[in-house]
């Protein structure tokens, strides 16, 4: 467990030293490289480790066109590139980890308290998602910078980021829905574009729910259990910051453009919670959507100390958020059903 705790405690120490301290370029690179190596060089660690090996083996000796035709072309091309390479699965994981880490670092640097945003990301987004849901982790690596573009009203960079994310996990297309509340425009072209986006999102939602049912029928409940049994926890973790933002929107330091986007994300967290209660048989599908809402935790949590909610001072709220981070990691490592897939941490370097 020591490597996981070091990964969290070092950012906590930096956060206590100076939570508002911006990251210079060298520091951002150092953080990104550290996360990339931690994620990419792991050996038989993470819930996806053995389930993703077949992606690599089936890419051996086939033309790239055949690999692309298998679906999720970004991830399959990545496996094709390393199928006959000595790096093998480690090469795939290093590139996947690099994309995720780059997106996370860019996202954290854009927050008012970057170190606090990183602390919030480590226990779950990094350790559980990036190391246990490789394809969706890469998708989030594209989604997070895309959301930064969208909160500035830059639609086309966002659409490009979503297209890249969808090549690793097609369910990422559901994120296109956030263009509707975030980007204003009454031109005919914008109306047509919104309609097209809603149609794509609708198709992505149908595909997400159908794929979840097919996976359950083909693979069986046991094989996909670890992916869906924690849905309630993940949804609850998104719901907490979502409710804080919905109840006290003016307390958070958002521009009008940012507020439209993140309020829509908060509403999505609320809808996921309701769907989990009303449609328990679809927990796997709800969970897949909830994974993409996790950046909400970083955005709201990194602004919480400055809100003075409940009459608490900045230092008190900062310590509360850091305590939450420690609690999440402690509970996951000690009590999660499938934590054994992450323990002990092992590296291909033998560390």
Protein backbone atom coordinates (compact mmCIF):
# COMPACT_ATOMS: atom_id res chain seq x y z
CA UNK A 1 0.00 0.00 0.00
CA UNK A 2 2.95 2.34 0.56
CA UNK A 3 3.29 3.46 -3.10
CA UNK A 4 -0.40 4.42 -3.21
CA UNK A 5 -0.12 6.41 0.00
CA UNK A 6 3.01 8.20 -1.19
CA UNK A 7 1.19 9.10 -4.39
CA UNK A 8 -1.47 10.87 -2.29
CA UNK A 9 0.51 12.18 0.70
CA UNK A 10 3.09 14.06 -1.39
CA UNK A 11 0.43 16.21 -3.11
CA UNK A 12 -1.28 16.71 0.27
CA UNK A 13 2.00 18.01 1.70
CA UNK A 14 2.41 20.36 -1.28
CA UNK A 15 -1.20 21.47 -0.88
CA UNK A 16 -0.70 22.36 2.77
CA UNK A 17 2.49 24.24 1.91
CA UNK A 18 0.74 26.41 -0.68
CA UNK A 19 -2.59 25.32 -2.19
CA UNK A 20 -2.76 28.31 -4.53
CA UNK A 21 0.80 27.94 -5.75
CA UNK A 22 0.66 27.56 -9.55
CA UNK A 23 2.58 24.81 -11.27
CA UNK A 24 5.50 26.02 -13.39
CA UNK A 25 6.09 24.05 -16.58
CA UNK A 26 8.84 21.87 -15.09
CA UNK A 27 6.63 20.90 -12.17
CA UNK A 28 3.71 20.06 -14.45
CA UNK A 29 6.01 17.86 -16.54
CA UNK A 30 7.37 16.15 -13.41
CA UNK A 31 3.86 15.39 -12.14
CA UNK A 32 2.77 14.12 -15.55
CA UNK A 33 5.80 11.87 -15.98
CA UNK A 34 5.46 10.48 -12.44
CA UNK A 35 1.81 9.59 -13.00
CA UNK A 36 2.57 8.13 -16.43
CA UNK A 37 5.25 5.81 -15.07
CA UNK A 38 3.17 4.84 -12.04
CA UNK A 39 0.23 3.91 -14.27
CA UNK A 40 2.11 2.59 -17.28
CA UNK A 41 4.78 0.43 -15.67
CA UNK A 42 2.47 -1.42 -13.30
CA UNK A 43 2.67 -5.20 -13.49
CA UNK A 44 -0.48 -7.30 -13.07
CA UNK A 45 -2.07 -4.42 -11.17
CA UNK A 46 -5.60 -3.17 -11.79
CA UNK A 47 -8.89 -4.82 -12.52
CA UNK A 48 -8.38 -4.59 -16.28
CA UNK A 49 -4.93 -6.15 -16.46
CA UNK A 50 -5.85 -9.65 -17.63
CA UNK A 51 -9.03 -8.71 -19.47
CA UNK A 52 -7.08 -6.38 -21.78
CA UNK A 53 -4.35 -8.87 -22.69
CA UNK A 54 -6.57 -10.38 -25.47
CA UNK A 55 -6.67 -6.95 -27.17
CA UNK A 56 -2.91 -7.27 -27.59
CA UNK A 57 -2.76 -10.92 -28.65
CA UNK A 58 -5.48 -10.63 -31.29
CA UNK A 59 -3.62 -7.70 -32.88
CA UNK A 60 -0.56 -9.84 -33.61
CA UNK A 61 0.17 -10.42 -37.28
CA UNK A 62 -2.94 -8.71 -38.68
CA UNK A 63 -3.13 -5.64 -40.95
CA UNK A 64 -3.96 -2.34 -39.29
CA UNK A 65 -7.22 -2.09 -41.25
CA UNK A 66 -8.44 -5.28 -39.61
CA UNK A 67 -7.49 -3.94 -36.20
CA UNK A 68 -9.43 -0.73 -36.83
CA UNK A 69 -12.48 -2.73 -37.94
CA UNK A 70 -12.68 -4.38 -34.51
CA UNK A 71 -14.16 -1.20 -33.01
CA UNK A 72 -12.73 1.41 -30.61
CA UNK A 73 -10.04 2.12 -33.26
CA UNK A 74 -7.83 4.29 -31.06
CA UNK A 75 -7.25 1.55 -28.50
CA UNK A 76 -6.99 -1.21 -31.10
CA UNK A 77 -4.43 0.74 -33.14
CA UNK A 78 -2.45 1.27 -29.95
CA UNK A 79 -2.45 -2.48 -29.32
CA UNK A 80 -1.55 -3.13 -32.97
CA UNK A 81 1.51 -0.88 -32.62
CA UNK A 82 2.79 -2.81 -29.59
CA UNK A 83 1.57 -6.33 -30.48
CA UNK A 84 4.93 -7.32 -31.99
CA UNK A 85 6.96 -4.92 -29.86
CA UNK A 86 9.06 -6.04 -26.86
CA UNK A 87 7.25 -3.49 -24.69
CA UNK A 88 3.94 -5.27 -25.28
CA UNK A 89 1.23 -4.43 -22.76
CA UNK A 90 3.59 -2.06 -20.95
CA UNK A 91 3.88 0.06 -24.09
CA UNK A 92 0.11 0.19 -24.37
CA UNK A 93 -0.22 1.17 -20.72
CA UNK A 94 2.54 3.80 -20.90
CA UNK A 95 0.88 5.56 -23.84
CA UNK A 96 -2.54 5.22 -22.19
CA UNK A 97 -1.13 6.57 -18.93
CA UNK A 98 0.57 9.45 -20.73
CA UNK A 99 -2.65 10.57 -22.43
CA UNK A 100 -4.59 10.36 -19.18
CA UNK A 101 -1.87 12.09 -17.14
CA UNK A 102 -1.45 14.92 -19.66
CA UNK A 103 -5.18 15.58 -19.62
CA UNK A 104 -5.29 15.49 -15.82
CA UNK A 105 -2.33 17.87 -15.40
CA UNK A 106 -3.80 20.37 -17.86
CA UNK A 107 -7.14 20.14 -16.06
CA UNK A 108 -5.65 20.59 -12.58
CA UNK A 109 -3.53 23.57 -13.66
CA UNK A 110 -6.72 25.33 -14.76
CA UNK A 111 -8.26 25.07 -11.27
CA UNK A 112 -7.84 27.77 -8.59
CA UNK A 113 -6.18 25.28 -6.22
CA UNK A 114 -4.27 22.90 -8.54
CA UNK A 115 -2.69 20.86 -5.76
CA UNK A 116 -6.07 20.28 -4.15
CA UNK A 117 -7.51 19.22 -7.51
CA UNK A 118 -4.69 16.68 -7.85
CA UNK A 119 -5.31 15.39 -4.31
CA UNK A 120 -8.96 14.84 -5.22
CA UNK A 121 -7.94 12.97 -8.37
CA UNK A 122 -5.44 10.53 -6.85
CA UNK A 123 -7.60 8.17 -4.72
CA UNK A 124 -10.17 7.33 -7.36
CA UNK A 125 -9.60 8.93 -10.75
CA UNK A 126 -5.95 7.88 -10.89
CA UNK A 127 -5.74 4.71 -8.81
CA UNK A 128 -9.09 3.14 -9.64
CA UNK A 129 -10.09 4.53 -13.03
CA UNK A 130 -6.79 5.07 -14.86
CA UNK A 131 -5.41 1.79 -13.49
CA UNK A 132 -8.63 -0.21 -13.69
CA UNK A 133 -10.57 1.11 -16.68
CA UNK A 134 -7.78 1.73 -19.21
CA UNK A 135 -9.91 2.72 -22.21
CA UNK A 136 -12.16 5.04 -20.25
CA UNK A 137 -9.11 6.46 -18.51
CA UNK A 138 -7.67 7.45 -21.89
CA UNK A 139 -11.06 8.84 -22.91
CA UNK A 140 -11.04 11.01 -19.78
CA UNK A 141 -7.55 12.18 -20.74
CA UNK A 142 -9.14 13.76 -23.81
CA UNK A 143 -12.40 14.77 -22.12
CA UNK A 144 -10.84 16.89 -19.36
CA UNK A 145 -9.03 19.35 -21.69
CA UNK A 146 -12.14 19.27 -23.88
CA UNK A 147 -14.25 20.44 -20.96
CA UNK A 148 -11.82 23.31 -20.37
CA UNK A 149 -12.31 24.38 -23.98
CA UNK A 150 -16.08 24.13 -23.65
CA UNK A 151 -16.19 26.23 -20.49
CA UNK A 152 -14.57 28.97 -22.58
CA UNK A 153 -17.20 28.55 -25.28
CA UNK A 154 -14.76 26.90 -27.72
CA UNK A 155 -16.96 24.26 -29.27
CA UNK A 156 -14.75 22.89 -32.05
CA UNK A 157 -11.76 21.95 -29.84
CA UNK A 158 -14.27 20.24 -27.55
CA UNK A 159 -15.79 18.28 -30.44
CA UNK A 160 -12.32 17.24 -31.58
CA UNK A 161 -11.46 16.05 -28.06
CA UNK A 162 -14.70 14.06 -27.85
CA UNK A 163 -14.00 12.44 -31.22
CA UNK A 164 -10.57 11.35 -29.96
CA UNK A 165 -12.08 10.06 -26.70
CA UNK A 166 -14.70 8.05 -28.60
CA UNK A 167 -11.98 6.15 -30.49
CA UNK A 168 -10.98 4.62 -27.15
CA UNK A 169 -14.47 4.15 -25.68
CA UNK A 170 -17.55 4.93 -27.74
CA UNK A 171 -19.62 5.77 -24.64
CA UNK A 172 -17.64 9.03 -24.43
CA UNK A 173 -19.99 10.38 -27.10
CA UNK A 174 -22.58 11.02 -24.37
CA UNK A 175 -20.43 13.99 -23.33
CA UNK A 176 -21.44 15.78 -26.53
CA UNK A 177 -24.70 16.63 -24.78
CA UNK A 178 -22.92 19.36 -22.82
CA UNK A 179 -22.54 21.46 -25.96
CA UNK A 180 -26.26 22.29 -25.75
CA UNK A 181 -26.23 24.18 -22.41
CA UNK A 182 -22.65 25.46 -22.70
CA UNK A 183 -22.60 27.00 -26.18
CA UNK A 184 -25.05 29.74 -27.03
CA UNK A 185 -26.11 30.59 -30.57
CA UNK A 186 -29.36 31.07 -32.44
CA UNK A 187 -28.12 30.70 -36.01
CA UNK A 188 -29.59 28.03 -38.26
CA UNK A 189 -26.23 26.23 -38.29
CA UNK A 190 -26.11 26.08 -34.49
CA UNK A 191 -29.65 24.74 -34.30
CA UNK A 192 -28.86 22.03 -36.83
CA UNK A 193 -25.66 21.20 -34.97
CA UNK A 194 -27.50 20.93 -31.65
CA UNK A 195 -30.07 18.59 -33.21
CA UNK A 196 -27.32 16.45 -34.72
CA UNK A 197 -25.50 16.31 -31.38
CA UNK A 198 -28.65 15.28 -29.54
CA UNK A 199 -29.22 12.48 -32.08
CA UNK A 200 -25.64 11.26 -31.61
CA UNK A 201 -25.97 11.42 -27.83
CA UNK A 202 -29.26 9.51 -27.99
CA UNK A 203 -27.63 6.80 -30.09
CA UNK A 204 -24.66 6.69 -27.69
CA UNK A 205 -26.98 6.27 -24.70
CA UNK A 206 -28.85 3.44 -26.42
CA UNK A 207 -25.54 1.82 -27.33
CA UNK A 208 -24.28 2.19 -23.76
CA UNK A 209 -27.31 0.52 -22.21
CA UNK A 210 -27.53 -2.21 -24.87
CA UNK A 211 -23.80 -2.96 -24.64
CA UNK A 212 -24.09 -3.26 -20.87
CA UNK A 213 -26.91 -5.81 -21.21
CA UNK A 214 -25.06 -7.81 -23.87
CA UNK A 215 -21.92 -7.84 -21.74
CA UNK A 216 -23.89 -9.18 -18.80
CA UNK A 217 -25.44 -11.93 -20.92
CA UNK A 218 -22.26 -12.95 -22.73
CA UNK A 219 -19.65 -12.54 -20.01
CA UNK A 220 -21.91 -13.33 -17.08
CA UNK A 221 -22.56 -11.35 -13.96
CA UNK A 222 -19.39 -12.41 -12.17
CA UNK A 223 -16.93 -11.22 -14.83
CA UNK A 224 -18.39 -7.71 -14.97
CA UNK A 225 -19.21 -7.48 -11.28
CA UNK A 226 -16.22 -5.34 -10.36
CA UNK A 227 -17.17 -2.82 -13.04
CA UNK A 228 -20.71 -2.27 -11.77
CA UNK A 229 -20.87 -3.20 -8.10
CA UNK A 230 -19.17 0.04 -7.10
CA UNK A 231 -21.61 2.11 -9.14
CA UNK A 232 -23.45 3.36 -6.06
CA UNK A 233 -20.21 4.63 -4.51
CA UNK A 234 -19.07 6.34 -7.69
CA UNK A 235 -22.46 7.93 -8.24
CA UNK A 236 -22.56 9.12 -4.61
CA UNK A 237 -19.10 10.65 -4.93
CA UNK A 238 -20.34 12.66 -7.92
CA UNK A 239 -23.64 13.51 -6.26
CA UNK A 240 -22.03 15.26 -3.28
CA UNK A 241 -20.23 18.00 -5.28
CA UNK A 242 -23.19 18.13 -7.64
CA UNK A 243 -25.59 19.00 -4.83
CA UNK A 244 -23.19 21.57 -3.39
CA UNK A 245 -23.03 23.34 -6.74
CA UNK A 246 -26.78 23.14 -7.36
CA UNK A 247 -27.65 24.44 -3.89
CA UNK A 248 -25.04 27.20 -3.62
CA UNK A 249 -24.00 28.10 -7.19
CA UNK A 250 -23.10 31.71 -6.34
CA UNK A 251 -20.62 30.62 -3.68
CA UNK A 252 -18.35 29.06 -6.30
CA UNK A 253 -16.02 31.15 -8.41
CA UNK A 254 -17.47 30.47 -11.85
CA UNK A 255 -18.07 32.71 -14.83
CA UNK A 256 -21.56 32.51 -16.34
CA UNK A 257 -20.16 30.32 -19.14
CA UNK A 258 -18.49 27.95 -16.69
CA UNK A 259 -21.56 27.80 -14.46
CA UNK A 260 -23.81 26.72 -17.35
CA UNK A 261 -21.48 23.85 -18.12
CA UNK A 262 -20.79 22.60 -14.60
CA UNK A 263 -24.38 23.03 -13.46
CA UNK A 264 -25.36 20.76 -16.35
CA UNK A 265 -22.72 18.30 -15.15
CA UNK A 266 -24.11 18.53 -11.61
CA UNK A 267 -27.60 17.79 -12.93
CA UNK A 268 -26.14 14.77 -14.74
CA UNK A 269 -24.75 13.53 -11.43
CA UNK A 270 -28.22 13.90 -9.93
CA UNK A 271 -29.85 12.06 -12.85
CA UNK A 272 -27.32 9.22 -12.51
CA UNK A 273 -28.25 8.86 -8.84
CA UNK A 274 -31.96 8.77 -9.67
CA UNK A 275 -31.37 6.27 -12.49
CA UNK A 276 -29.43 4.00 -10.17
CA UNK A 277 -32.39 3.93 -7.76
CA UNK A 278 -35.11 3.61 -10.39
CA UNK A 279 -33.22 1.32 -12.80
CA UNK A 280 -31.01 -0.90 -10.63
CA UNK A 281 -30.68 -3.51 -13.38
CA UNK A 282 -28.88 -0.91 -15.49
CA UNK A 283 -26.20 -0.11 -12.92
CA UNK A 284 -23.38 -1.01 -15.33
CA UNK A 285 -24.59 1.48 -17.94
CA UNK A 286 -25.19 4.19 -15.33
CA UNK A 287 -21.72 3.56 -13.92
CA UNK A 288 -20.09 4.05 -17.31
CA UNK A 289 -21.74 7.43 -17.68
CA UNK A 290 -20.91 8.37 -14.07
CA UNK A 291 -17.20 7.82 -14.73
CA UNK A 292 -17.21 10.76 -17.12
CA UNK A 293 -18.76 12.99 -14.45
CA UNK A 294 -15.81 12.51 -12.06
CA UNK A 295 -14.08 15.76 -13.19
CA UNK A 296 -16.94 17.54 -11.41
CA UNK A 297 -15.38 16.43 -8.12
CA UNK A 298 -12.14 18.20 -8.99
CA UNK A 299 -13.81 21.39 -10.20
CA UNK A 300 -16.12 21.80 -7.20
CA UNK A 301 -13.74 20.41 -4.58
CA UNK A 302 -10.87 22.68 -5.59
CA UNK A 303 -13.16 25.71 -5.19
CA UNK A 304 -14.84 24.61 -1.98
CA UNK A 305 -12.31 26.13 0.50
CA UNK A 306 -12.99 29.61 -0.89
CA UNK A 307 -16.79 29.37 -0.51
CA UNK A 308 -16.98 29.69 3.31
CA UNK A 309 -19.90 27.28 3.22
CA UNK A 310 -21.53 26.48 6.57
CA UNK A 311 -19.60 29.38 8.10
CA UNK A 312 -16.32 27.46 7.91
CA UNK A 313 -13.01 29.17 7.25
CA UNK A 314 -10.86 28.42 4.22
CA UNK A 315 -8.38 26.34 6.23
CA UNK A 316 -11.16 24.28 7.79
CA UNK A 317 -12.73 23.52 4.41
CA UNK A 318 -9.32 22.71 2.94
CA UNK A 319 -8.63 20.21 5.72
CA UNK A 320 -12.11 18.73 5.28
CA UNK A 321 -11.50 18.13 1.56
CA UNK A 322 -8.08 16.61 2.24
CA UNK A 323 -9.62 14.41 4.93
CA UNK A 324 -12.17 13.26 2.36
CA UNK A 325 -9.33 12.31 -0.02
CA UNK A 326 -7.58 10.27 2.68
CA UNK A 327 -10.86 8.57 3.66
CA UNK A 328 -11.64 7.59 0.05
CA UNK A 329 -8.22 6.02 -0.44
CA UNK A 330 -8.29 4.27 2.94
CA UNK A 331 -11.74 2.77 2.35
CA UNK A 332 -10.88 1.68 -1.18
CA UNK A 333 -7.58 0.01 -0.31
CA UNK A 334 -8.87 -1.71 2.83
CA UNK A 335 -12.51 -2.53 2.16
CA UNK A 336 -13.23 -2.56 -1.59
CA UNK A 337 -14.17 -6.05 -2.78
CA UNK A 338 -11.75 -6.01 -5.68
CA UNK A 339 -8.92 -4.02 -4.08
CA UNK A 340 -6.85 -7.22 -4.16
CA UNK A 341 -6.45 -6.61 -7.89
CA UNK A 342 -4.45 -3.49 -7.02
CA UNK A 343 -2.52 -4.91 -4.06
CA UNK A 344 0.34 -4.99 -3.65
CA UNK A 345 1.49 -2.44 -6.18
CA UNK A 346 4.08 -4.02 -8.47
CA UNK A 347 6.15 -2.49 -11.26
CA UNK A 348 7.78 -4.17 -14.24
CA UNK A 349 10.98 -2.54 -12.96
CA UNK A 350 10.70 -4.73 -9.87
CA UNK A 351 9.92 -1.86 -7.50
